[in-house]
């Protein structure tokens, strides 16, 4: 077992970055476009962007 990455006994709470709500406000369209573009570029490279909330 690698000491830097210990085995987990409980599955962490993962969320896809592309599903995160960004709230409301005048910058939301730009933030959504940036998030969507980043997620699309990463997925095209075989990476799934996630956020671990635990």
C-alpha atoms as a PDB file:
ATOM      1  CA  UNK A   1       0.000   0.000   0.000  1.00  0.00           C
ATOM      2  CA  UNK A   2       1.262   3.459  -0.898  1.00  0.00           C
ATOM      3  CA  UNK A   3       1.518   5.705   2.194  1.00  0.00           C
ATOM      4  CA  UNK A   4       0.635   8.792   0.135  1.00  0.00           C
ATOM      5  CA  UNK A   5      -2.619   7.257  -1.090  1.00  0.00           C
ATOM      6  CA  UNK A   6      -4.076   5.107   1.717  1.00  0.00           C
ATOM      7  CA  UNK A   7      -6.942   2.758   0.970  1.00  0.00           C
ATOM      8  CA  UNK A   8     -10.359   4.314   1.555  1.00  0.00           C
ATOM      9  CA  UNK A   9     -12.984   2.514   3.574  1.00  0.00           C
ATOM     10  CA  UNK A  10     -15.770   4.971   2.705  1.00  0.00           C
ATOM     11  CA  UNK A  11     -16.517   6.150  -0.824  1.00  0.00           C
ATOM     12  CA  UNK A  12     -16.156   9.944  -1.015  1.00  0.00           C
ATOM     13  CA  UNK A  13     -18.944  12.120  -2.366  1.00  0.00           C
ATOM     14  CA  UNK A  14     -18.034  12.925  -5.967  1.00  0.00           C
ATOM     15  CA  UNK A  15     -19.829  15.381  -8.260  1.00  0.00           C
ATOM     16  CA  UNK A  16     -19.219  15.999 -11.928  1.00  0.00           C
ATOM     17  CA  UNK A  17     -17.918  19.545 -12.413  1.00  0.00           C
ATOM     18  CA  UNK A  18     -20.260  20.035 -15.365  1.00  0.00           C
ATOM     19  CA  UNK A  19     -23.287  19.574 -13.060  1.00  0.00           C
ATOM     20  CA  UNK A  20     -22.288  22.150 -10.435  1.00  0.00           C
ATOM     21  CA  UNK A  21     -24.775  24.987 -10.022  1.00  0.00           C
ATOM     22  CA  UNK A  22     -23.142  28.388 -10.375  1.00  0.00           C
ATOM     23  CA  UNK A  23     -25.872  30.513  -8.837  1.00  0.00           C
ATOM     24  CA  UNK A  24     -27.181  33.742 -10.281  1.00  0.00           C
ATOM     25  CA  UNK A  25     -25.720  37.023 -11.381  1.00  0.00           C
ATOM     26  CA  UNK A  26     -24.418  38.894 -14.398  1.00  0.00           C
ATOM     27  CA  UNK A  27     -21.285  36.721 -14.768  1.00  0.00           C
ATOM     28  CA  UNK A  28     -23.091  33.389 -14.769  1.00  0.00           C
ATOM     29  CA  UNK A  29     -23.325  33.044 -18.586  1.00  0.00           C
ATOM     30  CA  UNK A  30     -19.562  33.601 -18.892  1.00  0.00           C
ATOM     31  CA  UNK A  31     -18.795  31.225 -16.012  1.00  0.00           C
ATOM     32  CA  UNK A  32     -21.061  28.539 -17.485  1.00  0.00           C
ATOM     33  CA  UNK A  33     -19.412  28.908 -20.896  1.00  0.00           C
ATOM     34  CA  UNK A  34     -15.928  28.637 -19.347  1.00  0.00           C
ATOM     35  CA  UNK A  35     -16.929  25.604 -17.244  1.00  0.00           C
ATOM     36  CA  UNK A  36     -18.534  23.884 -20.215  1.00  0.00           C
ATOM     37  CA  UNK A  37     -15.532  24.561 -22.472  1.00  0.00           C
ATOM     38  CA  UNK A  38     -13.097  23.255 -19.843  1.00  0.00           C
ATOM     39  CA  UNK A  39     -15.164  20.108 -19.249  1.00  0.00           C
ATOM     40  CA  UNK A  40     -15.491  19.451 -22.993  1.00  0.00           C
ATOM     41  CA  UNK A  41     -11.734  19.822 -23.536  1.00  0.00           C
ATOM     42  CA  UNK A  42     -10.914  17.514 -20.625  1.00  0.00           C
ATOM     43  CA  UNK A  43     -13.448  14.865 -21.648  1.00  0.00           C
ATOM     44  CA  UNK A  44     -12.034  14.951 -25.196  1.00  0.00           C
ATOM     45  CA  UNK A  45      -8.651  14.055 -23.632  1.00  0.00           C
ATOM     46  CA  UNK A  46     -10.154  11.196 -21.637  1.00  0.00           C
ATOM     47  CA  UNK A  47     -10.317  13.037 -18.295  1.00  0.00           C
ATOM     48  CA  UNK A  48     -13.492  13.314 -16.227  1.00  0.00           C
ATOM     49  CA  UNK A  49     -13.423  16.495 -14.121  1.00  0.00           C
ATOM     50  CA  UNK A  50     -14.926  15.821 -10.693  1.00  0.00           C
ATOM     51  CA  UNK A  51     -15.167  17.598  -7.360  1.00  0.00           C
ATOM     52  CA  UNK A  52     -14.841  15.605  -4.154  1.00  0.00           C
ATOM     53  CA  UNK A  53     -16.985  17.245  -1.483  1.00  0.00           C
ATOM     54  CA  UNK A  54     -15.712  15.183   1.446  1.00  0.00           C
END
